[in-house]
Amino acid sequence: MNKDTNQIMALLNAYRMDGLGNNFLIIDRRQNSFELNRNKIISLANKKLFPFDQLITLEKDEKNEHPIKIFNPDGIEVSACGNGARCIAYLISEENKQKKISIKTKERVLIAEVVGKQNIKINMGKPKFEWEEIPLSESIDTKRVGIEFLYKEHGYGFCLNIGNPHIVFFVENCTKIDIKKLGPKIENHRLFPERTNVTFAQILDKKNIKVNVWERGAGQTKACGTAACAVGVAASIKNLTDKNLQVHFKEGNLEIYYEKEIFMTGPVSRVKKVNIDIK
């Protein structure tokens, strides 16, 4: 009897979605609070039955807010995922037929709005620029961060926090960057006690930026919402672009608008329901 009950408990409702090729496995824990520890997340990632850049759990609703937890494939919980939050917003809107959705992450509440067919706009809140907020391991100018093996060729990086830590380098050609080689070295550099996301950004014109992204705990990804936000903020502050711009990924664009708070708009996929058997 217990064995049967365990099997039932292990069969979880889940969804697959993506934002511009940024893949998510969403596990619904609103009715079944089955424990999902780090080892189980790593096991799911390694099986590659449902490949994901992040695993997101839907937790029990709190008033009019929808709490989520976000995990990288290495099983580490993180505080933010812009594309993932937009996917969650679309999923909730399909369930409740609501246009506006409040999503509660580990670090902040995000307000999302359906603005077109499978097009979601989300307020990502205010970026953080202080070294201890990002965090960095020492007090330095966060807008001019020199990393010894990058400085000669790529100059200074721009560090900030969009709910998670980022460093952005502006380069002439982002596609020529060997991100699989440099990404993990920068991610795990001594300056970043919580590791960092890494973006090499190429200014196309005042309204368009092309990027090459290494995501903390996930590796090279086709798209990253918080990286797009980080690039938009950094480019605006450095007067490289307008406040309203398009960030170009392999499978499409995200529109970023920065004026104290960051607004991100872009498409998400349809919701695909799956069942996951976790033993």
Protein backbone atom coordinates (compact mmCIF):
# COMPACT_ATOMS: atom_id res chain seq x y z
CA MET A 1 0.00 0.00 0.00
CA ASN A 2 2.80 2.38 0.96
CA LYS A 3 4.64 1.48 -2.21
CA ASP A 4 1.59 2.39 -4.31
CA THR A 5 1.17 5.65 -2.40
CA ASN A 6 4.81 6.54 -2.99
CA GLN A 7 4.42 5.88 -6.68
CA ILE A 8 1.37 8.16 -6.82
CA MET A 9 3.22 10.86 -4.91
CA ALA A 10 6.16 10.56 -7.29
CA LEU A 11 4.05 11.15 -10.40
CA LEU A 12 4.06 14.93 -10.66
CA ASN A 13 2.15 17.32 -12.88
CA ALA A 14 4.57 19.41 -14.84
CA TYR A 15 4.80 21.70 -17.85
CA ARG A 16 7.38 22.44 -20.51
CA MET A 17 7.76 25.97 -21.84
CA ASP A 18 10.39 28.20 -23.33
CA GLY A 19 11.09 31.86 -23.96
CA LEU A 20 13.14 32.30 -27.15
CA GLY A 21 14.64 28.82 -26.74
CA ASN A 22 15.37 29.33 -23.03
CA ASN A 23 13.91 26.01 -21.78
CA PHE A 24 12.00 25.49 -18.55
CA LEU A 25 10.60 22.51 -16.72
CA ILE A 26 7.80 23.74 -14.45
CA ILE A 27 6.69 21.42 -11.65
CA ASP A 28 3.32 22.12 -10.05
CA ARG A 29 3.58 21.82 -6.26
CA ARG A 30 0.34 23.67 -5.49
CA GLN A 31 -1.57 20.47 -4.72
CA ASN A 32 1.31 18.06 -4.16
CA SER A 33 4.20 19.40 -2.07
CA PHE A 34 6.43 16.42 -2.90
CA GLU A 35 10.01 17.11 -1.76
CA LEU A 36 12.30 18.10 -4.59
CA ASN A 37 15.86 18.19 -3.30
CA ARG A 38 19.12 19.03 -5.05
CA ASN A 39 19.95 15.41 -5.91
CA LYS A 40 16.56 14.89 -7.57
CA ILE A 41 16.98 18.06 -9.63
CA ILE A 42 20.46 17.02 -10.77
CA SER A 43 19.11 13.56 -11.62
CA LEU A 44 16.32 15.08 -13.73
CA ALA A 45 18.83 17.31 -15.51
CA ASN A 46 21.21 14.43 -16.22
CA LYS A 47 18.46 12.19 -17.63
CA LYS A 48 17.71 14.88 -20.27
CA LEU A 49 14.23 13.40 -20.76
CA PHE A 50 12.92 16.95 -20.39
CA PRO A 51 15.99 19.17 -20.94
CA PHE A 52 15.88 22.47 -19.06
CA ASP A 53 17.96 25.57 -18.47
CA GLN A 54 16.01 26.12 -15.24
CA LEU A 55 13.58 24.06 -13.23
CA ILE A 56 10.78 26.13 -11.69
CA THR A 57 8.32 25.00 -9.04
CA LEU A 58 4.86 26.51 -8.67
CA GLU A 59 4.10 26.82 -4.96
CA LYS A 60 0.76 27.28 -3.16
CA ASP A 61 -0.83 30.64 -3.91
CA GLU A 62 -0.54 33.38 -1.31
CA LYS A 63 -3.47 35.81 -1.54
CA ASN A 64 -3.20 37.15 -5.10
CA GLU A 65 0.48 36.28 -5.50
CA HIS A 66 1.91 33.18 -7.16
CA PRO A 67 5.11 32.04 -5.43
CA ILE A 68 7.77 30.20 -7.43
CA LYS A 69 11.16 28.65 -6.74
CA ILE A 70 13.87 28.59 -9.41
CA PHE A 71 16.67 26.04 -9.69
CA ASN A 72 19.59 25.68 -12.07
CA PRO A 73 20.47 22.23 -13.49
CA ASP A 74 23.16 21.94 -10.80
CA GLY A 75 20.37 21.93 -8.20
CA ILE A 76 21.21 25.34 -6.74
CA GLU A 77 18.25 27.64 -6.03
CA VAL A 78 18.51 31.10 -7.61
CA SER A 79 16.55 34.29 -7.04
CA ALA A 80 15.56 35.39 -10.53
CA CYS A 81 14.76 34.19 -14.03
CA GLY A 82 13.15 36.72 -16.34
CA ASN A 83 12.09 34.42 -19.17
CA GLY A 84 10.92 31.82 -16.66
CA ALA A 85 8.78 34.37 -14.84
CA ARG A 86 7.21 35.41 -18.14
CA CYS A 87 6.41 31.75 -18.89
CA ILE A 88 4.82 31.33 -15.45
CA ALA A 89 2.76 34.47 -16.03
CA TYR A 90 1.42 33.08 -19.30
CA LEU A 91 0.64 29.71 -17.71
CA ILE A 92 -1.30 31.38 -14.85
CA SER A 93 -3.10 33.69 -17.27
CA GLU A 94 -4.27 30.68 -19.30
CA GLU A 95 -5.60 29.04 -16.13
CA ASN A 96 -7.29 32.09 -14.62
CA LYS A 97 -8.01 34.18 -17.72
CA GLN A 98 -6.25 37.10 -16.05
CA LYS A 99 -4.25 39.74 -17.88
CA LYS A 100 -2.16 40.82 -14.88
CA ILE A 101 -0.30 38.36 -12.66
CA SER A 102 1.88 38.86 -9.56
CA ILE A 103 4.74 36.39 -9.25
CA LYS A 104 6.63 36.09 -5.97
CA THR A 105 10.28 35.01 -6.31
CA LYS A 106 12.84 34.47 -3.58
CA GLU A 107 13.93 38.09 -3.80
CA ARG A 108 11.04 40.22 -5.10
CA VAL A 109 7.47 40.34 -6.45
CA LEU A 110 7.26 40.70 -10.24
CA ILE A 111 4.20 42.18 -11.94
CA ALA A 112 3.51 40.67 -15.36
CA GLU A 113 0.92 41.50 -18.01
CA VAL A 114 -0.30 39.71 -21.13
CA VAL A 115 0.07 42.34 -23.88
CA GLY A 116 -0.57 40.18 -26.96
CA LYS A 117 -0.90 36.60 -28.11
CA GLN A 118 1.77 34.75 -26.09
CA ASN A 119 3.51 38.09 -25.52
CA ILE A 120 4.30 38.97 -21.91
CA LYS A 121 5.52 42.22 -20.38
CA ILE A 122 7.06 42.06 -16.92
CA ASN A 123 8.33 44.64 -14.46
CA MET A 124 11.63 43.20 -13.20
CA GLY A 125 12.02 45.92 -10.56
CA LYS A 126 15.07 48.05 -9.79
CA PRO A 127 18.63 46.91 -10.50
CA LYS A 128 21.22 46.99 -7.71
CA PHE A 129 24.68 48.47 -8.22
CA GLU A 130 26.43 48.41 -4.83
CA TRP A 131 29.28 45.91 -4.59
CA GLU A 132 27.83 44.17 -1.52
CA GLU A 133 24.38 43.90 -3.16
CA ILE A 134 25.60 42.18 -6.34
CA PRO A 135 27.57 40.69 -4.46
CA LEU A 136 31.28 41.14 -5.13
CA SER A 137 34.01 39.94 -2.79
CA GLU A 138 35.57 43.41 -2.44
CA SER A 139 34.64 47.08 -2.63
CA ILE A 140 35.40 48.25 -6.19
CA ASP A 141 33.78 50.43 -8.85
CA THR A 142 31.07 48.05 -10.09
CA LYS A 143 30.82 49.86 -13.43
CA ARG A 144 34.54 49.33 -14.18
CA VAL A 145 35.44 45.81 -13.13
CA GLY A 146 38.75 44.55 -14.47
CA ILE A 147 39.38 40.81 -14.68
CA GLU A 148 43.04 39.99 -15.21
CA PHE A 149 42.70 37.57 -18.14
CA LEU A 150 40.13 39.74 -19.98
CA TYR A 151 41.17 43.33 -19.46
CA LYS A 152 43.72 43.69 -22.29
CA GLU A 153 41.38 42.37 -24.97
CA HIS A 154 37.92 43.25 -23.67
CA GLY A 155 38.39 46.08 -21.16
CA TYR A 156 36.21 46.53 -18.09
CA GLY A 157 33.06 44.65 -17.19
CA PHE A 158 29.90 46.25 -15.77
CA CYS A 159 28.50 44.44 -12.71
CA LEU A 160 24.96 44.68 -11.37
CA ASN A 161 22.21 42.61 -9.79
CA ILE A 162 18.84 41.96 -11.49
CA GLY A 163 17.65 39.66 -8.73
CA ASN A 164 20.79 37.66 -9.60
CA PRO A 165 24.41 38.75 -10.27
CA HIS A 166 25.60 39.74 -13.77
CA ILE A 167 28.71 41.03 -15.47
CA VAL A 168 28.47 42.59 -18.94
CA PHE A 169 31.31 43.20 -21.39
CA PHE A 170 30.75 45.33 -24.48
CA VAL A 171 32.73 43.96 -27.44
CA GLU A 172 33.01 44.50 -31.20
CA ASN A 173 31.82 41.00 -32.15
CA CYS A 174 30.13 38.88 -29.49
CA THR A 175 29.88 35.79 -31.72
CA LYS A 176 33.68 35.51 -31.86
CA ILE A 177 33.89 35.11 -28.09
CA ASP A 178 34.66 31.56 -26.98
CA ILE A 179 32.03 31.67 -24.25
CA LYS A 180 32.36 27.98 -23.39
CA LYS A 181 35.97 28.66 -22.44
CA LEU A 182 35.64 32.09 -20.83
CA GLY A 183 32.15 31.70 -19.31
CA PRO A 184 32.99 29.22 -16.54
CA LYS A 185 36.26 31.02 -15.71
CA ILE A 186 34.41 34.30 -15.19
CA GLU A 187 31.41 32.68 -13.47
CA ASN A 188 33.67 31.15 -10.82
CA HIS A 189 36.13 34.06 -10.48
CA ARG A 190 37.16 35.03 -6.93
CA LEU A 191 35.32 38.38 -7.30
CA PHE A 192 31.95 36.60 -7.31
CA PRO A 193 31.19 34.79 -4.02
CA GLU A 194 27.83 33.62 -5.40
CA ARG A 195 29.21 33.14 -8.94
CA THR A 196 27.84 35.29 -11.75
CA ASN A 197 26.05 35.32 -15.10
CA VAL A 198 28.24 36.49 -17.98
CA THR A 199 27.24 38.42 -21.11
CA PHE A 200 29.30 39.66 -24.04
CA ALA A 201 27.25 42.34 -25.78
CA GLN A 202 27.65 43.90 -29.22
CA ILE A 203 26.08 47.30 -29.94
CA LEU A 204 24.40 47.20 -33.38
CA ASP A 205 22.92 50.70 -33.12
CA LYS A 206 21.16 52.91 -30.55
CA LYS A 207 18.18 50.58 -30.37
CA ASN A 208 19.68 47.10 -30.92
CA ILE A 209 22.16 44.88 -29.08
CA LYS A 210 23.31 41.36 -29.91
CA VAL A 211 24.46 39.11 -27.07
CA ASN A 212 26.33 35.93 -26.22
CA VAL A 213 25.36 34.64 -22.75
CA TRP A 214 26.84 32.22 -20.22
CA GLU A 215 24.30 31.49 -17.50
CA ARG A 216 25.41 30.72 -13.96
CA GLY A 217 24.89 27.03 -13.20
CA ALA A 218 23.43 26.32 -16.67
CA GLY A 219 26.14 27.19 -19.21
CA GLN A 220 25.61 28.74 -22.64
CA THR A 221 21.92 29.38 -23.25
CA LYS A 222 19.94 30.48 -26.29
CA ALA A 223 18.34 33.28 -24.27
CA CYS A 224 18.38 34.77 -20.77
CA GLY A 225 15.86 37.36 -19.60
CA THR A 226 17.86 38.79 -16.71
CA ALA A 227 20.93 39.02 -18.96
CA ALA A 228 18.88 41.07 -21.44
CA CYS A 229 17.84 43.33 -18.56
CA ALA A 230 21.44 43.66 -17.34
CA VAL A 231 22.65 44.56 -20.83
CA GLY A 232 19.87 47.11 -21.31
CA VAL A 233 20.63 48.82 -18.00
CA ALA A 234 24.40 48.84 -18.54
CA ALA A 235 24.11 50.15 -22.12
CA SER A 236 21.70 52.89 -21.04
CA ILE A 237 23.89 54.05 -18.15
CA LYS A 238 26.98 54.10 -20.40
CA ASN A 239 24.98 56.09 -23.01
CA LEU A 240 25.62 53.43 -25.64
CA THR A 241 21.92 53.04 -26.50
CA ASP A 242 18.50 54.52 -25.90
CA LYS A 243 16.50 53.54 -22.82
CA ASN A 244 14.17 51.48 -25.02
CA LEU A 245 15.97 48.81 -27.04
CA GLN A 246 15.87 45.31 -28.52
CA VAL A 247 18.23 42.60 -27.24
CA HIS A 248 18.84 40.00 -29.95
CA PHE A 249 19.13 36.28 -29.18
CA LYS A 250 19.39 33.36 -31.62
CA GLU A 251 15.64 32.74 -31.75
CA GLY A 252 14.27 36.25 -31.37
CA ASN A 253 14.35 39.52 -29.43
CA LEU A 254 13.42 40.86 -26.03
CA GLU A 255 12.36 44.48 -25.68
CA ILE A 256 13.95 46.18 -22.69
CA TYR A 257 12.94 49.57 -21.29
CA TYR A 258 14.86 51.03 -18.35
CA GLU A 259 13.71 54.05 -16.35
CA LYS A 260 14.55 53.40 -12.68
CA GLU A 261 12.72 50.06 -13.05
CA ILE A 262 13.27 47.50 -15.83
CA PHE A 263 10.47 46.40 -18.13
CA MET A 264 10.97 43.36 -20.35
CA THR A 265 8.58 42.29 -23.12
CA GLY A 266 8.77 39.24 -25.34
CA PRO A 267 7.16 36.02 -26.57
CA VAL A 268 6.73 32.69 -24.79
CA SER A 269 5.84 29.25 -26.11
CA ARG A 270 2.57 27.43 -25.62
CA VAL A 271 2.18 25.35 -22.48
CA LYS A 272 2.91 21.64 -22.92
CA LYS A 273 1.71 19.43 -20.05
CA VAL A 274 3.87 16.43 -19.08
CA ASN A 275 4.00 13.92 -16.23
CA ILE A 276 7.24 13.32 -14.39
CA ASP A 277 7.94 10.17 -12.42
CA ILE A 278 10.38 10.91 -9.59
CA LYS A 279 11.36 8.00 -7.35
